[in-house]
Amino acid sequence: MSKPASPQGPVVINVGDEVLLGETHNGNQRWMLQTLKEHGLAASLAFSLPDEVDVIGRWIRDLRNGGYGPLFVSGGIGGTHDDHTREGIAVGLSQPLKLHDRCHQILAGKYGDRFTEQRQRMAWLPEGSKLIDNPLGAPGFAVQDIYAFPGFPQMVQPMMLEVLSWPAWGAQQPAWVVNEYRLPCAEGEIAMAIETFAAAHPQAKIGIYPSSEHFAQEVTLRIRCAPDYGDTLTQFGRLVADLERGLAT
């Protein structure tokens, strides 16, 4: 499996009615986004989807047609009536679900006499899937440019790190550099200068964040970009120093 071309960038998707309805917060999205950034693969999109085959399938198809990828999906690959991620991905890829013999063997060994009909469903995967090892439960799977994990944080974290270590991804991408500054002012006092700089340096992601405790008195600036744009980081540091001197006068 080769690393897919992704002109629009990676996407993180959490599946589950309980997530979409705000009934639970398992931290998967934030952890997955941070991990991608640390691996030099900052995500372009992140969102949640319900446990509905057609909705999952439509988003998978539209994202891939729009040039997004790879897609990292957590949740909904169990064997209960509300686990529909496998079917949704298959629909999105226009692929049939097929019994994955190796997955079936692994699950049969894990569950023994408890290998019920519901648990056997977890071995039906989109055609062409490669397994992602899960020492704590059912395997995840990778098919084309989609990587599907369980929803449990203690499972998704080691499994995603395993995927990002696969040789097919090629050489490790350099992690983004993130520089942060604080200035004693309201965001409106510096917004135009930052906007002008951001427009001239589209390779960097620059944010302005007012303090929640000192809303009109303190602002945080954050610039993120690849290490090979070191000159951009240097120039931004100079801009911040100039702004700071201006505020002091």
Protein backbone atom coordinates (compact mmCIF):
# COMPACT_ATOMS: atom_id res chain seq x y z
CA MET A 1 0.00 0.00 0.00
CA SER A 2 1.56 3.25 -1.14
CA LYS A 3 1.12 6.68 0.35
CA PRO A 4 -1.72 8.33 -1.61
CA ALA A 5 -1.52 11.65 -3.36
CA SER A 6 -3.49 14.18 -1.33
CA PRO A 7 -3.49 17.70 -2.78
CA GLN A 8 -6.04 18.87 -0.20
CA GLY A 9 -4.48 17.10 2.78
CA PRO A 10 -5.45 14.57 5.47
CA VAL A 11 -8.85 14.35 7.17
CA VAL A 12 -9.78 13.07 10.64
CA ILE A 13 -13.28 11.62 11.05
CA ASN A 14 -14.88 10.42 14.30
CA VAL A 15 -17.96 8.24 13.83
CA GLY A 16 -20.68 7.78 16.43
CA ASP A 17 -24.07 9.16 17.36
CA GLU A 18 -22.84 9.54 20.94
CA VAL A 19 -20.02 11.80 19.72
CA LEU A 20 -22.18 13.83 17.34
CA LEU A 21 -24.85 14.38 20.02
CA GLY A 22 -22.32 15.57 22.58
CA GLU A 23 -22.94 12.64 24.92
CA THR A 24 -19.31 11.60 25.18
CA HIS A 25 -15.86 13.06 24.69
CA ASN A 26 -13.09 10.52 24.20
CA GLY A 27 -10.38 12.90 23.04
CA ASN A 28 -9.71 10.98 19.84
CA GLN A 29 -10.05 13.93 17.49
CA ARG A 30 -7.64 16.19 19.34
CA TRP A 31 -5.07 13.43 19.81
CA MET A 32 -5.26 12.36 16.14
CA LEU A 33 -4.90 15.96 14.94
CA GLN A 34 -1.91 16.62 17.20
CA THR A 35 -0.26 13.37 16.12
CA LEU A 36 -0.66 14.17 12.43
CA LYS A 37 0.83 17.63 12.97
CA GLU A 38 3.79 16.11 14.84
CA HIS A 39 4.38 13.82 11.86
CA GLY A 40 4.33 16.71 9.40
CA LEU A 41 0.88 15.77 8.11
CA ALA A 42 -1.33 18.53 9.48
CA ALA A 43 -5.00 17.79 8.77
CA SER A 44 -7.08 19.94 6.46
CA LEU A 45 -10.45 18.89 7.90
CA ALA A 46 -11.82 17.21 11.03
CA PHE A 47 -15.43 16.40 11.90
CA SER A 48 -17.87 13.83 13.30
CA LEU A 49 -20.41 11.67 11.47
CA PRO A 50 -23.44 9.70 12.68
CA ASP A 51 -23.79 5.92 12.66
CA GLU A 52 -25.48 5.94 9.26
CA VAL A 53 -24.15 3.98 6.29
CA ASP A 54 -25.33 6.40 3.60
CA VAL A 55 -23.98 9.48 5.38
CA ILE A 56 -20.58 7.90 5.96
CA GLY A 57 -20.45 6.62 2.39
CA ARG A 58 -21.37 10.00 0.90
CA TRP A 59 -18.70 11.86 2.86
CA ILE A 60 -16.03 9.27 2.04
CA ARG A 61 -16.86 9.51 -1.67
CA ASP A 62 -17.06 13.32 -1.73
CA LEU A 63 -13.83 13.81 0.21
CA ARG A 64 -11.87 11.50 -2.06
CA ASN A 65 -13.40 13.03 -5.18
CA GLY A 66 -12.41 16.44 -3.82
CA GLY A 67 -8.76 15.44 -3.52
CA TYR A 68 -8.67 14.96 0.26
CA GLY A 69 -6.67 12.16 1.82
CA PRO A 70 -5.57 10.13 3.55
CA LEU A 71 -8.67 9.72 5.70
CA PHE A 72 -8.25 8.61 9.32
CA VAL A 73 -11.50 7.26 10.77
CA SER A 74 -12.17 6.21 14.36
CA GLY A 75 -15.26 4.52 15.73
CA GLY A 76 -17.99 2.26 14.43
CA ILE A 77 -16.01 -0.85 13.44
CA GLY A 78 -17.41 -3.12 16.15
CA GLY A 79 -20.05 -5.79 15.68
CA THR A 80 -23.18 -4.25 17.21
CA HIS A 81 -26.24 -3.02 15.33
CA ASP A 82 -25.02 0.60 15.37
CA ASP A 83 -21.51 -0.05 14.01
CA HIS A 84 -21.67 0.98 10.35
CA THR A 85 -18.22 2.35 9.50
CA ARG A 86 -17.19 -0.75 7.55
CA GLU A 87 -20.29 -0.62 5.38
CA GLY A 88 -20.04 3.16 4.99
CA ILE A 89 -16.46 3.01 3.77
CA ALA A 90 -17.35 0.20 1.37
CA VAL A 91 -20.21 2.29 -0.03
CA GLY A 92 -17.93 5.33 -0.36
CA LEU A 93 -15.40 3.28 -2.33
CA SER A 94 -18.06 1.40 -4.34
CA GLN A 95 -16.51 -1.79 -3.01
CA PRO A 96 -18.27 -4.88 -1.65
CA LEU A 97 -17.79 -6.16 1.87
CA LYS A 98 -15.97 -9.49 1.86
CA LEU A 99 -15.07 -11.93 4.59
CA HIS A 100 -11.42 -11.26 5.48
CA ASP A 101 -10.09 -14.73 6.28
CA ARG A 102 -7.16 -13.56 8.40
CA CYS A 103 -9.35 -11.18 10.39
CA HIS A 104 -11.84 -14.00 10.97
CA GLN A 105 -9.05 -16.25 12.25
CA ILE A 106 -7.75 -13.57 14.62
CA LEU A 107 -11.20 -12.86 16.03
CA ALA A 108 -12.02 -16.56 16.42
CA GLY A 109 -8.80 -16.98 18.41
CA LYS A 110 -9.58 -13.98 20.62
CA TYR A 111 -13.18 -14.87 21.42
CA GLY A 112 -13.27 -18.68 21.29
CA ASP A 113 -16.70 -19.88 22.41
CA ARG A 114 -17.81 -16.23 22.62
CA PHE A 115 -17.33 -15.67 18.87
CA THR A 116 -20.96 -14.74 18.29
CA GLU A 117 -22.66 -13.84 15.04
CA GLN A 118 -22.37 -10.15 15.97
CA ARG A 119 -18.62 -10.44 16.52
CA GLN A 120 -18.20 -12.32 13.26
CA ARG A 121 -19.48 -9.21 11.46
CA MET A 122 -16.17 -7.50 12.31
CA ALA A 123 -14.40 -9.79 9.83
CA TRP A 124 -16.44 -8.45 6.91
CA LEU A 125 -14.30 -5.65 5.48
CA PRO A 126 -14.20 -3.62 2.26
CA GLU A 127 -12.58 -5.66 -0.48
CA GLY A 128 -8.80 -5.21 -0.59
CA SER A 129 -8.42 -4.25 3.07
CA LYS A 130 -5.15 -4.68 4.93
CA LEU A 131 -5.36 -5.33 8.68
CA ILE A 132 -4.08 -2.92 11.33
CA ASP A 133 -2.99 -4.89 14.39
CA ASN A 134 -4.89 -4.31 17.65
CA PRO A 135 -3.55 -6.22 20.67
CA LEU A 136 -6.57 -5.15 22.75
CA GLY A 137 -9.41 -6.06 20.42
CA ALA A 138 -10.57 -6.41 16.83
CA PRO A 139 -8.13 -5.34 14.10
CA GLY A 140 -8.57 -2.08 12.27
CA PHE A 141 -8.18 -1.96 8.52
CA ALA A 142 -6.63 0.09 5.74
CA VAL A 143 -8.11 0.23 2.26
CA GLN A 144 -6.79 2.53 -0.47
CA ASP A 145 -6.19 5.84 1.36
CA ILE A 146 -8.53 5.16 4.31
CA TYR A 147 -7.40 4.00 7.76
CA ALA A 148 -10.13 2.78 10.14
CA PHE A 149 -9.65 2.34 13.89
CA PRO A 150 -11.89 1.46 16.85
CA GLY A 151 -13.27 4.33 18.91
CA PHE A 152 -11.47 3.45 22.15
CA PRO A 153 -8.57 5.87 22.76
CA GLN A 154 -6.37 3.15 24.25
CA MET A 155 -6.72 1.27 20.97
CA VAL A 156 -6.69 4.03 18.35
CA GLN A 157 -3.51 5.65 19.66
CA PRO A 158 -1.05 2.72 19.25
CA MET A 159 -2.77 1.63 16.06
CA MET A 160 -2.46 5.03 14.39
CA LEU A 161 1.18 5.31 15.43
CA GLU A 162 1.76 1.89 13.86
CA VAL A 163 0.18 3.06 10.60
CA LEU A 164 2.32 6.20 10.53
CA SER A 165 5.44 4.03 10.92
CA TRP A 166 4.66 1.85 7.89
CA PRO A 167 7.45 1.95 5.25
CA ALA A 168 4.87 2.70 2.56
CA TRP A 169 4.65 6.25 3.89
CA GLY A 170 8.25 6.82 2.88
CA ALA A 171 10.66 8.98 4.85
CA GLN A 172 9.34 10.58 8.01
CA GLN A 173 7.92 14.02 7.31
CA PRO A 174 9.46 16.85 9.35
CA ALA A 175 7.18 18.01 12.14
CA TRP A 176 5.76 21.49 11.91
CA VAL A 177 7.50 24.22 13.83
CA VAL A 178 5.18 26.18 16.12
CA ASN A 179 6.26 29.52 17.61
CA GLU A 180 4.09 31.36 20.11
CA TYR A 181 4.17 34.95 21.34
CA ARG A 182 2.12 37.00 23.81
CA LEU A 183 1.50 40.71 23.50
CA PRO A 184 -0.19 43.05 26.01
CA CYS A 185 -2.97 44.37 23.78
CA ALA A 186 -6.35 43.65 22.24
CA GLU A 187 -6.36 41.74 18.95
CA GLY A 188 -7.74 44.72 17.04
CA GLU A 189 -4.59 46.74 17.72
CA ILE A 190 -2.37 44.35 15.76
CA ALA A 191 -4.85 42.57 13.48
CA MET A 192 -4.03 44.51 10.30
CA ALA A 193 -0.26 43.98 10.61
CA ILE A 194 -0.75 40.24 11.16
CA GLU A 195 -3.23 40.00 8.28
CA THR A 196 -0.78 41.68 5.92
CA PHE A 197 2.01 39.30 6.95
CA ALA A 198 -0.26 36.24 6.62
CA ALA A 199 -1.30 37.26 3.11
CA ALA A 200 2.36 37.56 2.08
CA HIS A 201 3.29 34.17 3.62
CA PRO A 202 0.54 31.66 2.70
CA GLN A 203 2.83 28.73 3.54
CA ALA A 204 2.36 29.51 7.24
CA LYS A 205 -0.75 29.15 9.39
CA ILE A 206 -1.00 32.17 11.69
CA GLY A 207 -3.58 32.64 14.43
CA ILE A 208 -4.55 35.43 16.83
CA TYR A 209 -6.10 34.30 20.13
CA PRO A 210 -7.38 36.78 22.73
CA SER A 211 -6.86 35.75 26.34
CA SER A 212 -9.98 34.30 27.96
CA GLU A 213 -8.94 35.84 31.30
CA HIS A 214 -7.63 39.20 30.05
CA PHE A 215 -9.70 39.54 26.90
CA ALA A 216 -8.85 43.12 25.92
CA GLN A 217 -5.40 43.19 27.50
CA GLU A 218 -3.53 40.15 26.19
CA VAL A 219 -3.33 38.29 22.93
CA THR A 220 -1.44 35.16 21.84
CA LEU A 221 0.07 34.89 18.37
CA ARG A 222 0.90 31.48 16.95
CA ILE A 223 2.69 30.70 13.69
CA ARG A 224 3.03 27.17 12.33
CA CYS A 225 4.95 26.05 9.27
CA ALA A 226 7.40 23.48 7.99
CA PRO A 227 11.04 23.74 9.18
CA ASP A 228 12.27 24.62 5.70
CA TYR A 229 10.44 27.95 5.97
CA GLY A 230 12.77 29.15 8.70
CA ASP A 231 13.08 32.58 7.12
CA THR A 232 9.32 33.04 7.48
CA LEU A 233 9.59 32.23 11.17
CA THR A 234 12.45 34.71 11.55
CA GLN A 235 10.54 37.46 9.77
CA PHE A 236 7.49 36.87 11.92
CA GLY A 237 9.59 37.10 15.06
CA ARG A 238 10.88 40.47 13.87
CA LEU A 239 7.35 41.66 13.18
CA VAL A 240 6.25 40.69 16.68
CA ALA A 241 9.25 42.51 18.17
CA ASP A 242 8.35 45.64 16.18
CA LEU A 243 4.74 45.44 17.36
CA GLU A 244 5.87 45.01 20.95
CA ARG A 245 8.07 48.09 20.73
CA GLY A 246 5.21 50.06 19.23
CA LEU A 247 2.90 49.06 22.06
CA ALA A 248 5.48 50.20 24.62
CA THR A 249 5.70 53.74 23.25
